[in-house]
Every structure is written in structure tokens, then in C-alpha cells.
Amino acid sequence: MIGTAVRTRPDPRWTGVASAWFGAMAVLGLAWVWLITATSVDPAESLRIAGSWLVPVGLVGAVLTGPFGLHGPGRRWAVTGLSLAAAVVVAFVVLYNVYD
């Protein structure tokens, strides 16, 4: 059929799991930022940057994939990913205020 548009949505089975993976990535990034901020660990500048990029990539990924996974069999994973993302935001604010 010419001129018809098919509306497609991401598969909710994998988007929930992707949200959980991205949330875990943000948690790992937060742990890395805490490690280089609160301790005497002093890695090379390139490692600092590479590890710190896990936080925004993880947060954006969890928030973008999470809502698509809420309406299907991956709901539990989507809620996990979104919860991890929210916890990372709160922990990052606390980290910033403690070590500023």
C-alpha cells in the first residue's frame, strides 16, 4: 500500500532489560566518580573522562528506554532501571554537596 504509515514501537521485552542495564551503567559511573572524588585514587585524565561518561549515558539510556518497557513483560526490569536512575541522581546530588 502506497502512502500508508505503519506505527512501530520498540519491543517492550528488550526495552525493560535495556533500561536496567543503563541504570546499572549509571550506578557504575557514580561509583567511579565517587572513587576519584572521595579517595586518593588519581588515574590518568583519559580514564577519568571515560569513567565519568557512564553517568550521563546510563541516565539518558535508562530514562529513554524505561517508559517503553513499562507496558509489557519487561515491566519489572524497566522499573528497576528507572529506580536506579533516580537513585543515581539523588546520590550524585549528595556527593556533590558533600565534596564540593
N, C-alpha and C. Protein backbone atom coordinates (compact mmCIF):
# COMPACT_ATOMS: atom_id res chain seq x y z
N MET A 1 0.83 -1.17 0.00
CA MET A 1 0.00 0.00 0.00
C MET A 1 0.88 1.24 0.00
N ILE A 2 0.66 2.06 -0.94
CA ILE A 2 1.42 3.28 -1.05
C ILE A 2 0.75 4.35 -0.19
N GLY A 3 1.56 5.04 0.56
CA GLY A 3 1.05 6.15 1.35
C GLY A 3 0.55 5.77 2.72
N THR A 4 0.69 4.52 3.13
CA THR A 4 0.26 4.17 4.47
C THR A 4 1.46 4.17 5.40
N ALA A 5 1.25 4.61 6.59
CA ALA A 5 2.32 4.67 7.59
C ALA A 5 2.07 3.60 8.63
N VAL A 6 3.07 2.87 8.95
CA VAL A 6 2.98 1.85 9.98
C VAL A 6 3.67 2.40 11.22
N ARG A 7 2.91 2.48 12.27
CA ARG A 7 3.47 3.00 13.51
C ARG A 7 4.09 1.84 14.28
N THR A 8 5.34 1.96 14.56
CA THR A 8 6.03 0.90 15.30
C THR A 8 6.55 1.46 16.61
N ARG A 9 6.53 0.61 17.61
CA ARG A 9 7.08 0.96 18.91
C ARG A 9 8.18 -0.03 19.24
N PRO A 10 9.14 0.38 20.05
CA PRO A 10 10.18 -0.57 20.44
C PRO A 10 9.57 -1.77 21.18
N ASP A 11 10.20 -2.90 21.06
CA ASP A 11 9.72 -4.12 21.69
C ASP A 11 9.85 -4.00 23.21
N PRO A 12 8.74 -4.09 23.96
CA PRO A 12 8.82 -3.90 25.41
C PRO A 12 9.59 -5.02 26.12
N ARG A 13 9.84 -6.13 25.45
CA ARG A 13 10.60 -7.21 26.10
C ARG A 13 12.06 -6.81 26.30
N TRP A 14 12.66 -6.16 25.34
CA TRP A 14 14.07 -5.80 25.49
C TRP A 14 14.27 -4.40 26.02
N THR A 15 13.27 -3.51 25.90
CA THR A 15 13.48 -2.15 26.40
C THR A 15 13.53 -2.10 27.92
N GLY A 16 12.79 -2.97 28.59
CA GLY A 16 12.87 -3.03 30.05
C GLY A 16 14.23 -3.49 30.52
N VAL A 17 14.76 -4.52 29.87
CA VAL A 17 16.09 -5.02 30.22
C VAL A 17 17.15 -3.97 29.88
N ALA A 18 16.98 -3.28 28.76
CA ALA A 18 17.93 -2.23 28.40
C ALA A 18 17.92 -1.11 29.44
N SER A 19 16.75 -0.78 29.95
CA SER A 19 16.66 0.25 30.99
C SER A 19 17.42 -0.18 32.24
N ALA A 20 17.29 -1.45 32.62
CA ALA A 20 18.01 -1.94 33.80
C ALA A 20 19.52 -1.91 33.55
N TRP A 21 19.96 -2.28 32.35
CA TRP A 21 21.39 -2.23 32.04
C TRP A 21 21.91 -0.80 32.07
N PHE A 22 21.15 0.12 31.51
CA PHE A 22 21.58 1.51 31.54
C PHE A 22 21.60 2.05 32.98
N GLY A 23 20.63 1.66 33.79
CA GLY A 23 20.63 2.07 35.20
C GLY A 23 21.85 1.54 35.93
N ALA A 24 22.21 0.29 35.64
CA ALA A 24 23.42 -0.28 36.25
C ALA A 24 24.67 0.44 35.77
N MET A 25 24.67 0.85 34.51
CA MET A 25 25.80 1.61 33.98
C MET A 25 25.95 2.94 34.71
N ALA A 26 24.83 3.59 35.00
CA ALA A 26 24.88 4.85 35.73
C ALA A 26 25.39 4.63 37.16
N VAL A 27 25.00 3.53 37.77
CA VAL A 27 25.50 3.22 39.12
C VAL A 27 27.01 3.00 39.09
N LEU A 28 27.50 2.27 38.10
CA LEU A 28 28.94 2.08 37.97
C LEU A 28 29.66 3.41 37.74
N GLY A 29 29.07 4.28 36.95
CA GLY A 29 29.67 5.59 36.72
C GLY A 29 29.71 6.42 38.00
N LEU A 30 28.64 6.33 38.77
CA LEU A 30 28.61 7.06 40.04
C LEU A 30 29.67 6.52 41.00
N ALA A 31 29.83 5.20 41.03
CA ALA A 31 30.87 4.62 41.88
C ALA A 31 32.25 5.08 41.43
N TRP A 32 32.46 5.20 40.14
CA TRP A 32 33.74 5.68 39.61
C TRP A 32 33.97 7.15 40.01
N VAL A 33 32.95 7.97 39.86
CA VAL A 33 33.08 9.38 40.23
C VAL A 33 33.35 9.51 41.73
N TRP A 34 32.67 8.70 42.54
CA TRP A 34 32.92 8.74 43.97
C TRP A 34 34.36 8.31 44.27
N LEU A 35 34.84 7.27 43.58
CA LEU A 35 36.19 6.76 43.81
C LEU A 35 37.24 7.82 43.52
N ILE A 36 37.08 8.56 42.44
CA ILE A 36 38.10 9.56 42.11
C ILE A 36 37.90 10.87 42.85
N THR A 37 36.74 11.03 43.47
CA THR A 37 36.47 12.26 44.22
C THR A 37 36.79 12.11 45.70
N ALA A 38 36.35 11.02 46.30
CA ALA A 38 36.42 10.88 47.75
C ALA A 38 37.67 10.16 48.24
N THR A 39 38.42 9.54 47.35
CA THR A 39 39.60 8.82 47.79
C THR A 39 40.84 9.44 47.14
N SER A 40 41.98 8.84 47.40
CA SER A 40 43.23 9.37 46.86
C SER A 40 43.59 8.74 45.52
N VAL A 41 42.68 8.03 44.90
CA VAL A 41 42.94 7.42 43.59
C VAL A 41 43.08 8.54 42.57
N ASP A 42 44.17 8.48 41.80
CA ASP A 42 44.44 9.53 40.82
C ASP A 42 44.79 8.91 39.46
N PRO A 43 43.75 8.50 38.70
CA PRO A 43 44.04 7.89 37.39
C PRO A 43 44.36 8.94 36.34
N ALA A 44 44.74 8.47 35.18
CA ALA A 44 45.02 9.39 34.07
C ALA A 44 43.74 10.13 33.67
N GLU A 45 43.94 11.28 33.07
CA GLU A 45 42.79 12.12 32.69
C GLU A 45 41.84 11.40 31.75
N SER A 46 42.36 10.62 30.84
CA SER A 46 41.50 9.90 29.89
C SER A 46 40.63 8.87 30.61
N LEU A 47 41.16 8.22 31.64
CA LEU A 47 40.36 7.28 32.41
C LEU A 47 39.30 7.99 33.24
N ARG A 48 39.64 9.16 33.75
CA ARG A 48 38.65 9.94 34.49
C ARG A 48 37.45 10.27 33.61
N ILE A 49 37.75 10.74 32.40
CA ILE A 49 36.69 11.14 31.48
C ILE A 49 35.87 9.94 31.03
N ALA A 50 36.54 8.86 30.68
CA ALA A 50 35.84 7.66 30.20
C ALA A 50 34.90 7.10 31.28
N GLY A 51 35.36 7.03 32.50
CA GLY A 51 34.52 6.52 33.58
C GLY A 51 33.39 7.46 33.93
N SER A 52 33.65 8.75 33.86
CA SER A 52 32.62 9.72 34.22
C SER A 52 31.49 9.77 33.19
N TRP A 53 31.78 9.40 31.95
CA TRP A 53 30.75 9.41 30.91
C TRP A 53 29.71 8.31 31.13
N LEU A 54 29.99 7.36 32.00
CA LEU A 54 29.00 6.32 32.27
C LEU A 54 27.75 6.89 32.93
N VAL A 55 27.90 7.94 33.71
CA VAL A 55 26.76 8.52 34.42
C VAL A 55 25.73 9.12 33.44
N PRO A 56 26.09 10.09 32.60
CA PRO A 56 25.05 10.65 31.72
C PRO A 56 24.54 9.66 30.69
N VAL A 57 25.41 8.79 30.16
CA VAL A 57 24.95 7.81 29.19
C VAL A 57 23.96 6.85 29.84
N GLY A 58 24.27 6.40 31.04
CA GLY A 58 23.38 5.50 31.76
C GLY A 58 22.06 6.14 32.12
N LEU A 59 22.11 7.38 32.59
CA LEU A 59 20.86 8.07 32.96
C LEU A 59 19.97 8.30 31.74
N VAL A 60 20.54 8.82 30.68
CA VAL A 60 19.75 9.10 29.48
C VAL A 60 19.20 7.80 28.90
N GLY A 61 20.02 6.76 28.85
CA GLY A 61 19.56 5.48 28.32
C GLY A 61 18.44 4.88 29.15
N ALA A 62 18.55 4.93 30.47
CA ALA A 62 17.51 4.37 31.33
C ALA A 62 16.20 5.14 31.20
N VAL A 63 16.31 6.46 31.10
CA VAL A 63 15.09 7.27 31.00
C VAL A 63 14.44 7.15 29.63
N LEU A 64 15.24 6.95 28.59
CA LEU A 64 14.66 6.81 27.25
C LEU A 64 14.05 5.43 27.01
N THR A 65 14.66 4.38 27.53
CA THR A 65 14.14 3.04 27.29
C THR A 65 13.13 2.58 28.33
N GLY A 66 13.20 3.12 29.52
CA GLY A 66 12.31 2.70 30.61
C GLY A 66 10.83 2.81 30.32
N PRO A 67 10.34 3.96 29.87
CA PRO A 67 8.89 4.08 29.63
C PRO A 67 8.34 3.10 28.59
N PHE A 68 9.14 2.73 27.61
CA PHE A 68 8.68 1.77 26.62
C PHE A 68 8.56 0.37 27.21
N GLY A 69 9.37 0.07 28.20
CA GLY A 69 9.32 -1.25 28.82
C GLY A 69 8.28 -1.40 29.91
N LEU A 70 7.62 -0.31 30.30
CA LEU A 70 6.63 -0.38 31.37
C LEU A 70 5.34 -1.09 30.97
N HIS A 71 5.09 -1.24 29.70
CA HIS A 71 3.82 -1.79 29.24
C HIS A 71 3.99 -3.16 28.60
N GLY A 72 4.69 -4.03 29.25
CA GLY A 72 4.89 -5.35 28.68
C GLY A 72 5.54 -6.28 29.68
N PRO A 73 6.07 -7.38 29.17
CA PRO A 73 6.67 -8.37 30.06
C PRO A 73 7.97 -7.90 30.73
N GLY A 74 8.57 -6.84 30.23
CA GLY A 74 9.80 -6.32 30.82
C GLY A 74 9.55 -5.24 31.85
N ARG A 75 8.33 -5.16 32.38
CA ARG A 75 7.97 -4.08 33.32
C ARG A 75 8.88 -4.08 34.55
N ARG A 76 9.14 -5.24 35.09
CA ARG A 76 9.97 -5.32 36.31
C ARG A 76 11.37 -4.76 36.04
N TRP A 77 11.93 -5.07 34.87
CA TRP A 77 13.24 -4.56 34.51
C TRP A 77 13.22 -3.06 34.28
N ALA A 78 12.14 -2.58 33.66
CA ALA A 78 12.03 -1.14 33.40
C ALA A 78 11.93 -0.35 34.70
N VAL A 79 11.15 -0.86 35.63
CA VAL A 79 11.03 -0.19 36.93
C VAL A 79 12.37 -0.20 37.65
N THR A 80 13.11 -1.31 37.54
CA THR A 80 14.44 -1.39 38.15
C THR A 80 15.37 -0.35 37.55
N GLY A 81 15.39 -0.24 36.23
CA GLY A 81 16.25 0.73 35.57
C GLY A 81 15.90 2.16 35.92
N LEU A 82 14.62 2.47 35.93
CA LEU A 82 14.21 3.84 36.28
C LEU A 82 14.49 4.15 37.75
N SER A 83 14.34 3.16 38.61
CA SER A 83 14.64 3.36 40.03
C SER A 83 16.14 3.58 40.25
N LEU A 84 16.95 2.80 39.54
CA LEU A 84 18.40 3.01 39.65
C LEU A 84 18.79 4.39 39.15
N ALA A 85 18.17 4.84 38.08
CA ALA A 85 18.48 6.17 37.55
C ALA A 85 18.10 7.25 38.56
N ALA A 86 16.95 7.11 39.18
CA ALA A 86 16.53 8.09 40.19
C ALA A 86 17.47 8.08 41.40
N ALA A 87 17.89 6.88 41.82
CA ALA A 87 18.81 6.78 42.95
C ALA A 87 20.17 7.40 42.61
N VAL A 88 20.61 7.25 41.37
CA VAL A 88 21.89 7.84 40.96
C VAL A 88 21.81 9.36 40.99
N VAL A 89 20.70 9.92 40.56
CA VAL A 89 20.54 11.38 40.58
C VAL A 89 20.61 11.89 42.02
N VAL A 90 19.90 11.23 42.93
CA VAL A 90 19.91 11.65 44.34
C VAL A 90 21.31 11.49 44.92
N ALA A 91 21.96 10.37 44.67
CA ALA A 91 23.30 10.14 45.21
C ALA A 91 24.31 11.11 44.62
N PHE A 92 24.15 11.47 43.35
CA PHE A 92 25.07 12.42 42.73
C PHE A 92 24.93 13.81 43.36
N VAL A 93 23.71 14.21 43.66
CA VAL A 93 23.49 15.49 44.34
C VAL A 93 24.11 15.47 45.74
N VAL A 94 23.94 14.37 46.46
CA VAL A 94 24.55 14.25 47.78
C VAL A 94 26.08 14.27 47.67
N LEU A 95 26.62 13.54 46.71
CA LEU A 95 28.07 13.54 46.50
C LEU A 95 28.59 14.93 46.21
N TYR A 96 27.88 15.65 45.37
CA TYR A 96 28.29 17.00 45.01
C TYR A 96 28.28 17.92 46.24
N ASN A 97 27.24 17.82 47.06
CA ASN A 97 27.13 18.69 48.22
C ASN A 97 28.13 18.33 49.33
N VAL A 98 28.49 17.08 49.44
CA VAL A 98 29.42 16.66 50.49
C VAL A 98 30.86 17.02 50.12
N TYR A 99 31.24 16.81 48.84
CA TYR A 99 32.62 17.00 48.45
C TYR A 99 32.84 18.26 47.60
N ASP A 100 32.00 19.23 47.74
CA ASP A 100 32.18 20.48 46.97
C ASP A 100 33.16 21.39 47.65
